Amino acid sequence: MNPFNLKNMESKEGLEALFLYATEGILVVNDKGEIIRSNPSVEKLFGYEKNELIGKRIEVLIPKRLTDKHTAHREKYNHNPHARSMGAGMDLFGLKKDGAEIPVEISLSPYSNLEGKFVIAFIVDITVRKQAEEKLKSYSTELEKQVKNRTLILEEAIDELEKTKKDLNKALDKEKDLNELKSRFVSMASHEFRTPLTTMMSSLSLVTKYGEKDDKENQLKHVSKIKTSINNLTDILNDFLSVSKLEEGRLENMPEEINLNIFISEIIVEMEGMVTLDQKLIQSYSGNETALIDKKLLKNILFNLISNAIKFSPQGGEIEIITQVSSHFVKISVKDSGIGIPKEDQKHLFERFFRGHNAIHIQGTGLGLNIVAKYVELMNGSLDFESIENKGTTFKIIIPQ
């Protein structure tokens, strides 16, 4: 027969065995908060010798920072004792004899007899569980961190894909623009080259004819036409070359110190061969003689602006080139009294191949002002204009030094 049957366990000896050999710590406390019994498990848990806790107040096992709060809770519990777990949803700590704190779970069971009112406290060390919980929490935090990092990487990858998509769309748009540009270029070039070449062929034939008749006047007239056609072809080729260099990024702003007054005077002398009957190029210069500027870019800008002023000005018209130079900037204005730019055309003025509706009959590529704007931008300058139809146009450039 099993000596540890239920009847044996209900005996005094059986209950004593349960108390002594229970793996849970067990304390019996009276209504004054004094420990009257402690089992070996609780003594081992808190680091006390056998019966060393007897007679001590229960607060000896409570961390000092929690003593006052525990005393108040204990007194409140004594007014309404009932079986329950202590600190539901809270972290409870016990104080060992050596001063170390341990996390614990505590269940309370009140009872009373002729000797008074008592509470049995069942105490379990949950250090291992807390460590496992902390480790799980750490794993969870690390997992969240990894998920966040992965999400961030994914978001960055998506952003990169979006950027690539935008770059591809941009490249496709640019390719479409280039294809359109090529089509317009071929169409314009075939027309613009054909006109001066036809004029040259016709004039050459007539020069020969008038030469046989010794008609010097008509010979000179057609030689002048050939000269004008060559100048037009040169302008077209220069525009195409400039566009090519700009597209390929082969142009740089390389300022150098030059005598700007002499430089502009030489350009005006060079362009006097392009003026029509009775047109005049007038130069006005004020300020410092020298300037720090890229003369190649400036020459191209002035050639475009002055040749436009010549083309769009009437016979006998005046074209003014006004220059002001200070230690901080160079300001150049090219003013004509020509056909002007219609107001509705002005917003498109610097677009490639754009030509005002009142200039269709005049030779040109529609590239010149676009090139001028790009060159001024390369020089970190600004470009502006004022124009009134049939009264003239003034272009102003300001280039910092």
Protein backbone atom coordinates (compact mmCIF):
# COMPACT_ATOMS: atom_id res chain seq x y z
CA MET A 1 0.00 0.00 0.00
CA ASN A 2 1.28 3.45 -0.99
CA PRO A 3 2.25 5.23 2.24
CA PHE A 4 1.60 8.60 0.61
CA ASN A 5 -2.12 8.13 0.05
CA LEU A 6 -4.62 10.98 0.36
CA LYS A 7 -5.47 10.10 3.95
CA ASN A 8 -1.82 10.27 4.94
CA MET A 9 -1.43 13.67 3.22
CA GLU A 10 -4.38 15.07 5.16
CA SER A 11 -2.73 14.11 8.47
CA LYS A 12 -0.63 16.59 10.44
CA GLU A 13 2.52 14.80 9.37
CA GLY A 14 1.48 14.88 5.73
CA LEU A 15 0.73 18.60 5.78
CA GLU A 16 4.04 19.24 7.50
CA ALA A 17 5.81 17.30 4.74
CA LEU A 18 4.05 19.39 2.10
CA PHE A 19 5.23 22.53 3.88
CA LEU A 20 8.81 21.37 4.27
CA TYR A 21 9.37 19.84 0.83
CA ALA A 22 7.36 22.19 -1.38
CA THR A 23 9.46 23.72 -4.17
CA GLU A 24 7.59 27.00 -3.71
CA GLY A 25 8.65 29.32 -0.94
CA ILE A 26 6.02 29.47 1.81
CA LEU A 27 5.67 32.04 4.58
CA VAL A 28 3.07 32.34 7.30
CA VAL A 29 2.54 35.91 8.52
CA ASN A 30 0.32 37.14 11.33
CA ASP A 31 -1.92 40.23 11.21
CA LYS A 32 0.96 42.36 12.53
CA GLY A 33 3.08 41.51 9.51
CA GLU A 34 5.42 39.23 11.50
CA ILE A 35 6.75 36.01 10.01
CA ILE A 36 5.82 33.08 12.20
CA ARG A 37 6.80 30.23 9.85
CA SER A 38 9.03 29.80 6.81
CA ASN A 39 9.80 26.71 4.79
CA PRO A 40 13.28 25.71 3.55
CA SER A 41 12.52 26.80 -0.04
CA VAL A 42 11.75 30.38 0.98
CA GLU A 43 14.84 30.50 3.28
CA LYS A 44 17.01 29.25 0.43
CA LEU A 45 15.36 31.67 -2.01
CA PHE A 46 16.13 34.72 0.12
CA GLY A 47 19.48 33.48 1.49
CA TYR A 48 18.54 32.97 5.17
CA GLU A 49 19.47 30.22 7.62
CA LYS A 50 16.85 27.87 9.06
CA ASN A 51 14.28 29.76 11.17
CA GLU A 52 16.31 33.00 10.77
CA LEU A 53 13.25 34.78 9.36
CA ILE A 54 11.01 33.84 12.30
CA GLY A 55 9.88 36.94 14.21
CA LYS A 56 10.99 39.39 11.49
CA ARG A 57 8.50 41.66 9.79
CA ILE A 58 7.56 40.70 6.26
CA GLU A 59 8.99 44.04 4.99
CA VAL A 60 12.49 42.61 5.55
CA LEU A 61 11.92 40.77 2.25
CA ILE A 62 10.71 43.88 0.42
CA PRO A 63 13.09 46.33 -1.37
CA LYS A 64 13.42 49.51 0.70
CA ARG A 65 12.01 51.74 -2.05
CA LEU A 66 8.75 49.74 -1.86
CA THR A 67 8.49 49.27 1.92
CA ASP A 68 6.07 52.12 2.68
CA LYS A 69 3.78 51.20 -0.21
CA HIS A 70 3.78 47.53 0.84
CA THR A 71 2.93 48.38 4.45
CA ALA A 72 -0.08 50.41 3.30
CA HIS A 73 -1.23 47.56 1.00
CA ARG A 74 -0.81 45.00 3.81
CA GLU A 75 -2.91 47.03 6.24
CA LYS A 76 -5.59 47.49 3.60
CA TYR A 77 -5.55 43.74 2.87
CA ASN A 78 -5.97 42.91 6.59
CA HIS A 79 -9.32 44.77 6.55
CA ASN A 80 -10.59 42.55 3.74
CA PRO A 81 -8.48 39.37 3.56
CA HIS A 82 -9.16 37.05 0.60
CA ALA A 83 -7.25 34.60 -1.55
CA ARG A 84 -5.58 36.35 -4.46
CA SER A 85 -2.40 36.92 -6.44
CA MET A 86 -0.37 39.92 -5.48
CA GLY A 87 0.35 42.74 -7.93
CA ALA A 88 -1.67 41.49 -10.90
CA GLY A 89 -0.17 43.03 -14.05
CA MET A 90 2.74 44.47 -12.02
CA ASP A 91 6.40 43.52 -11.61
CA LEU A 92 7.05 42.35 -8.00
CA PHE A 93 10.49 42.10 -6.45
CA GLY A 94 11.82 40.43 -3.34
CA LEU A 95 14.92 41.49 -1.36
CA LYS A 96 17.50 38.83 -0.53
CA LYS A 97 19.61 38.93 2.63
CA ASP A 98 22.66 40.03 0.60
CA GLY A 99 20.72 43.02 -0.81
CA ALA A 100 20.10 41.55 -4.27
CA GLU A 101 16.63 41.89 -5.78
CA ILE A 102 14.80 39.05 -7.52
CA PRO A 103 11.56 39.07 -9.53
CA VAL A 104 8.85 37.04 -7.82
CA GLU A 105 5.24 35.95 -8.08
CA ILE A 106 3.22 35.87 -4.81
CA SER A 107 -0.16 34.33 -3.99
CA LEU A 108 -1.93 35.09 -0.70
CA SER A 109 -4.32 32.83 1.20
CA PRO A 110 -5.78 34.09 4.51
CA TYR A 111 -6.95 31.81 7.34
CA SER A 112 -7.83 32.23 11.04
CA ASN A 113 -8.03 30.06 14.17
CA LEU A 114 -8.24 30.54 17.90
CA GLU A 115 -4.76 32.03 17.92
CA GLY A 116 -5.62 34.83 15.48
CA LYS A 117 -5.62 35.84 11.80
CA PHE A 118 -2.88 34.73 9.45
CA VAL A 119 -1.87 34.87 5.80
CA ILE A 120 0.00 32.18 3.90
CA ALA A 121 2.19 33.62 1.16
CA PHE A 122 3.33 31.33 -1.67
CA ILE A 123 6.44 32.81 -3.36
CA VAL A 124 7.98 31.72 -6.68
CA ASP A 125 11.27 32.98 -8.13
CA ILE A 126 10.54 33.97 -11.77
CA THR A 127 14.07 35.09 -12.66
CA VAL A 128 14.44 32.48 -15.41
CA ARG A 129 11.05 33.36 -16.86
CA LYS A 130 11.84 37.09 -16.80
CA GLN A 131 15.14 36.44 -18.52
CA ALA A 132 13.30 34.42 -21.16
CA GLU A 133 10.76 37.22 -21.52
CA GLU A 134 13.51 39.82 -21.86
CA LYS A 135 15.27 37.64 -24.40
CA LEU A 136 12.01 37.23 -26.29
CA LYS A 137 11.43 40.96 -26.06
CA SER A 138 14.98 41.56 -27.32
CA TYR A 139 14.38 39.12 -30.18
CA SER A 140 11.11 40.88 -30.94
CA THR A 141 12.81 44.29 -30.89
CA GLU A 142 15.61 42.99 -33.09
CA LEU A 143 13.06 41.44 -35.43
CA GLU A 144 11.15 44.70 -35.61
CA LYS A 145 14.43 46.49 -36.28
CA GLN A 146 15.30 44.03 -39.05
CA VAL A 147 11.80 44.34 -40.51
CA LYS A 148 12.13 48.12 -40.36
CA ASN A 149 15.57 47.95 -42.02
CA ARG A 150 14.26 45.57 -44.67
CA THR A 151 11.28 47.86 -45.20
CA LEU A 152 13.63 50.83 -45.47
CA ILE A 153 15.80 48.95 -47.97
CA LEU A 154 12.66 48.00 -49.89
CA GLU A 155 11.44 51.60 -49.85
CA GLU A 156 14.86 52.76 -51.05
CA ALA A 157 14.75 50.13 -53.78
CA ILE A 158 11.27 51.30 -54.79
CA ASP A 159 12.48 54.93 -54.75
CA GLU A 160 15.46 53.90 -56.88
CA LEU A 161 13.13 52.10 -59.29
CA GLU A 162 10.91 55.18 -59.45
CA LYS A 163 13.97 57.33 -60.09
CA THR A 164 15.14 54.91 -62.78
CA LYS A 165 11.67 55.00 -64.29
CA LYS A 166 11.72 58.80 -64.28
CA ASP A 167 15.24 58.80 -65.77
CA LEU A 168 14.11 56.38 -68.47
CA ASN A 169 11.04 58.48 -69.21
CA LYS A 170 13.24 61.55 -69.29
CA ALA A 171 15.67 59.80 -71.63
CA LEU A 172 12.76 58.68 -73.84
CA ASP A 173 11.37 62.21 -73.87
CA LYS A 174 14.81 63.53 -74.74
CA GLU A 175 15.13 60.98 -77.52
CA LYS A 176 11.73 62.02 -78.85
CA ASP A 177 12.82 65.66 -78.67
CA LEU A 178 16.06 64.77 -80.48
CA ASN A 179 14.16 62.87 -83.17
CA GLU A 180 11.81 65.81 -83.57
CA LEU A 181 14.83 68.12 -83.59
CA LYS A 182 16.48 66.03 -86.31
CA SER A 183 13.30 66.07 -88.42
CA ARG A 184 12.96 69.82 -88.05
CA PHE A 185 16.67 70.23 -88.71
CA VAL A 186 16.53 68.23 -91.96
CA SER A 187 13.43 70.12 -93.08
CA MET A 188 14.87 73.52 -92.19
CA ALA A 189 18.37 72.77 -93.50
CA SER A 190 17.09 71.57 -96.86
CA HIS A 191 15.12 74.80 -97.22
CA GLU A 192 17.70 77.18 -95.79
CA PHE A 193 20.60 75.73 -97.78
CA ARG A 194 18.62 75.48 -100.99
CA THR A 195 17.68 79.18 -101.03
CA PRO A 196 21.20 80.72 -100.88
CA LEU A 197 22.65 77.98 -103.10
CA THR A 198 20.00 78.64 -105.77
CA THR A 199 20.70 82.37 -105.50
CA MET A 200 24.44 81.76 -105.84
CA MET A 201 24.02 79.51 -108.90
CA SER A 202 21.72 82.00 -110.57
CA SER A 203 23.95 84.98 -109.75
CA LEU A 204 27.10 83.17 -110.93
CA SER A 205 25.42 82.49 -114.26
CA LEU A 206 24.37 86.15 -114.53
CA VAL A 207 27.83 87.41 -113.51
CA THR A 208 29.29 85.39 -116.39
CA LYS A 209 26.62 86.73 -118.74
CA TYR A 210 27.12 90.37 -117.68
CA GLY A 211 30.87 89.87 -117.85
CA GLU A 212 30.58 89.04 -121.51
CA LYS A 213 28.60 92.25 -121.97
CA ASP A 214 31.07 94.22 -119.81
CA ASP A 215 28.14 95.32 -117.59
CA LYS A 216 30.05 96.13 -114.39
CA GLU A 217 27.04 97.47 -112.49
CA ASN A 218 24.99 94.29 -112.84
CA GLN A 219 28.08 92.19 -112.22
CA LEU A 220 28.70 93.95 -108.88
CA LYS A 221 25.02 93.60 -108.01
CA HIS A 222 25.10 89.81 -108.41
CA VAL A 223 28.51 89.50 -106.75
CA SER A 224 26.92 91.27 -103.78
CA LYS A 225 24.07 88.71 -103.83
CA ILE A 226 26.59 85.85 -103.87
CA LYS A 227 28.43 87.46 -100.95
CA THR A 228 25.18 87.78 -98.98
CA SER A 229 24.27 84.14 -99.69
CA ILE A 230 27.72 82.99 -98.51
CA ASN A 231 27.27 85.00 -95.31
CA ASN A 232 23.84 83.36 -94.80
CA LEU A 233 25.31 79.90 -95.28
CA THR A 234 28.12 80.74 -92.87
CA ASP A 235 25.57 81.87 -90.27
CA ILE A 236 23.60 78.64 -90.69
CA LEU A 237 26.70 76.46 -90.35
CA ASN A 238 27.87 78.45 -87.29
CA ASP A 239 24.46 77.96 -85.66
CA PHE A 240 24.55 74.20 -86.31
CA LEU A 241 28.10 73.95 -84.99
CA SER A 242 27.15 75.87 -81.83
CA VAL A 243 24.12 73.65 -81.19
CA SER A 244 26.29 70.54 -81.63
CA LYS A 245 28.89 71.79 -79.16
CA LEU A 246 26.21 72.74 -76.62
CA GLU A 247 24.51 69.32 -76.91
CA GLU A 248 27.81 67.51 -76.40
CA GLY A 249 28.82 69.72 -73.44
CA ARG A 250 32.03 70.72 -75.16
CA LEU A 251 31.71 74.42 -74.33
CA GLU A 252 33.10 75.94 -71.14
CA ASN A 253 33.22 79.46 -69.79
CA MET A 254 36.92 80.42 -69.77
CA PRO A 255 37.18 84.13 -68.91
CA GLU A 256 40.36 86.08 -69.58
CA GLU A 257 41.32 89.73 -69.24
CA ILE A 258 40.86 91.57 -72.54
CA ASN A 259 40.58 95.15 -73.79
CA LEU A 260 36.83 95.00 -74.27
CA ASN A 261 36.55 98.36 -76.05
CA ILE A 262 38.96 97.29 -78.81
CA PHE A 263 37.44 93.78 -78.93
CA ILE A 264 33.88 95.06 -79.57
CA SER A 265 35.17 97.68 -82.05
CA GLU A 266 36.85 94.91 -84.08
CA ILE A 267 33.62 92.85 -84.11
CA ILE A 268 31.65 95.87 -85.37
CA VAL A 269 34.20 96.53 -88.13
CA GLU A 270 34.01 92.85 -89.10
CA MET A 271 30.21 93.00 -89.30
CA GLU A 272 30.01 96.21 -91.29
CA GLY A 273 30.34 94.05 -94.41
CA MET A 274 26.93 92.53 -93.58
CA VAL A 275 24.95 95.78 -93.41
CA THR A 276 22.54 96.64 -96.21
CA LEU A 277 22.39 99.97 -97.99
CA ASP A 278 22.53 102.93 -95.60
CA GLN A 279 22.33 100.85 -92.39
CA LYS A 280 24.64 102.05 -89.63
CA LEU A 281 26.36 100.29 -86.73
CA ILE A 282 26.87 102.75 -83.87
CA GLN A 283 29.09 101.92 -80.89
CA SER A 284 28.84 103.51 -77.46
CA TYR A 285 31.28 102.50 -74.70
CA SER A 286 31.68 103.66 -71.08
CA GLY A 287 33.55 102.44 -68.01
CA ASN A 288 36.66 100.28 -67.65
CA GLU A 289 38.60 99.50 -70.83
CA THR A 290 39.41 95.96 -69.72
CA ALA A 291 37.13 93.14 -68.55
CA LEU A 292 37.45 89.53 -67.41
CA ILE A 293 35.33 87.60 -69.93
CA ASP A 294 35.28 84.63 -72.33
CA LYS A 295 35.85 86.36 -75.66
CA LYS A 296 34.84 83.37 -77.84
CA LEU A 297 31.44 83.07 -76.20
CA LEU A 298 30.95 86.84 -76.22
CA LYS A 299 31.89 87.10 -79.91
CA ASN A 300 29.30 84.44 -80.81
CA ILE A 301 26.66 86.24 -78.73
CA LEU A 302 27.35 89.60 -80.38
CA PHE A 303 27.49 88.08 -83.88
CA ASN A 304 24.04 86.58 -83.35
CA LEU A 305 22.47 89.69 -81.82
CA ILE A 306 23.99 92.16 -84.29
CA SER A 307 23.28 90.00 -87.37
CA ASN A 308 19.66 89.65 -86.20
CA ALA A 309 19.45 93.43 -85.75
CA ILE A 310 20.80 93.89 -89.30
CA LYS A 311 18.38 91.33 -90.79
CA PHE A 312 15.30 92.72 -89.09
CA SER A 313 16.10 96.44 -89.52
CA PRO A 314 15.05 98.50 -92.55
CA GLN A 315 17.46 100.15 -94.96
CA GLY A 316 18.85 103.29 -93.38
CA GLY A 317 18.18 101.89 -89.90
CA GLU A 318 20.59 102.36 -87.02
CA ILE A 319 21.87 99.52 -84.84
CA GLU A 320 23.34 100.65 -81.51
CA ILE A 321 25.82 98.56 -79.52
CA ILE A 322 26.01 100.09 -76.04
CA THR A 323 28.57 98.78 -73.54
CA GLN A 324 28.96 99.65 -69.85
CA VAL A 325 31.78 98.10 -67.81
CA SER A 326 32.30 98.23 -64.05
CA SER A 327 34.46 96.19 -61.68
CA HIS A 328 31.48 93.90 -61.03
CA PHE A 329 29.72 93.44 -64.39
CA VAL A 330 29.68 93.95 -68.14
CA LYS A 331 26.41 95.22 -69.59
CA ILE A 332 25.90 95.17 -73.37
CA SER A 333 22.77 96.29 -75.22
CA VAL A 334 22.05 95.75 -78.91
CA LYS A 335 19.26 98.07 -80.05
CA ASP A 336 17.57 98.23 -83.46
CA SER A 337 14.62 100.05 -84.99
CA GLY A 338 13.35 97.06 -86.97
CA ILE A 339 10.15 95.05 -87.26
CA GLY A 340 10.06 94.15 -83.55
CA ILE A 341 8.65 90.99 -81.98
CA PRO A 342 4.87 90.49 -81.75
CA LYS A 343 3.72 90.27 -78.14
CA GLU A 344 2.20 86.79 -78.58
CA ASP A 345 5.54 85.49 -79.93
CA GLN A 346 7.75 86.88 -77.17
CA LYS A 347 7.26 83.98 -74.72
CA HIS A 348 8.62 81.53 -77.34
CA LEU A 349 11.53 83.72 -78.41
CA PHE A 350 14.37 81.56 -77.02
CA GLU A 351 12.96 78.19 -78.16
CA ARG A 352 14.83 76.24 -80.83
CA PHE A 353 13.65 76.79 -84.40
CA PHE A 354 11.07 79.34 -83.28
CA ARG A 355 10.52 82.24 -85.62
CA GLY A 356 8.07 85.08 -85.15
CA HIS A 357 5.16 85.09 -87.59
CA ASN A 358 6.34 88.46 -88.93
CA ALA A 359 9.84 87.05 -89.72
CA ILE A 360 9.00 83.96 -91.78
CA HIS A 361 10.05 85.66 -95.02
CA ILE A 362 13.49 86.59 -93.62
CA GLN A 363 16.44 84.16 -93.88
CA GLY A 364 17.26 82.38 -90.61
CA THR A 365 17.37 79.08 -88.73
CA GLY A 366 15.47 80.02 -85.59
CA LEU A 367 18.47 78.81 -83.54
CA GLY A 368 20.38 82.03 -82.93
CA LEU A 369 18.57 83.35 -79.86
CA ASN A 370 18.42 79.88 -78.29
CA ILE A 371 22.22 79.69 -78.68
CA VAL A 372 22.64 83.21 -77.24
CA ALA A 373 20.56 82.24 -74.18
CA LYS A 374 22.67 79.09 -73.62
CA TYR A 375 25.94 81.03 -73.97
CA VAL A 376 24.80 83.71 -71.51
CA GLU A 377 23.79 80.96 -69.07
CA LEU A 378 27.26 79.39 -69.43
CA MET A 379 28.76 82.76 -68.48
CA ASN A 380 26.48 82.96 -65.39
CA GLY A 381 24.89 86.04 -66.89
CA SER A 382 21.35 87.25 -67.55
CA LEU A 383 19.54 87.99 -70.81
CA ASP A 384 16.55 90.27 -71.24
CA PHE A 385 14.82 92.13 -74.03
CA GLU A 386 12.26 94.83 -74.79
CA SER A 387 10.38 94.93 -78.05
CA ILE A 388 7.50 96.75 -79.70
CA GLU A 389 6.22 95.56 -83.04
CA ASN A 390 7.29 97.83 -85.93
CA LYS A 391 9.31 100.02 -83.54
CA GLY A 392 12.34 97.88 -82.75
CA THR A 393 13.96 95.56 -80.21
CA THR A 394 16.64 95.93 -77.56
CA PHE A 395 18.52 92.91 -76.17
CA LYS A 396 20.39 93.38 -72.89
CA ILE A 397 22.98 91.02 -71.47
CA ILE A 398 24.67 91.37 -68.09
CA ILE A 399 27.73 89.24 -67.35
CA PRO A 400 29.28 89.25 -63.84
CA GLN A 401 33.04 89.63 -63.39
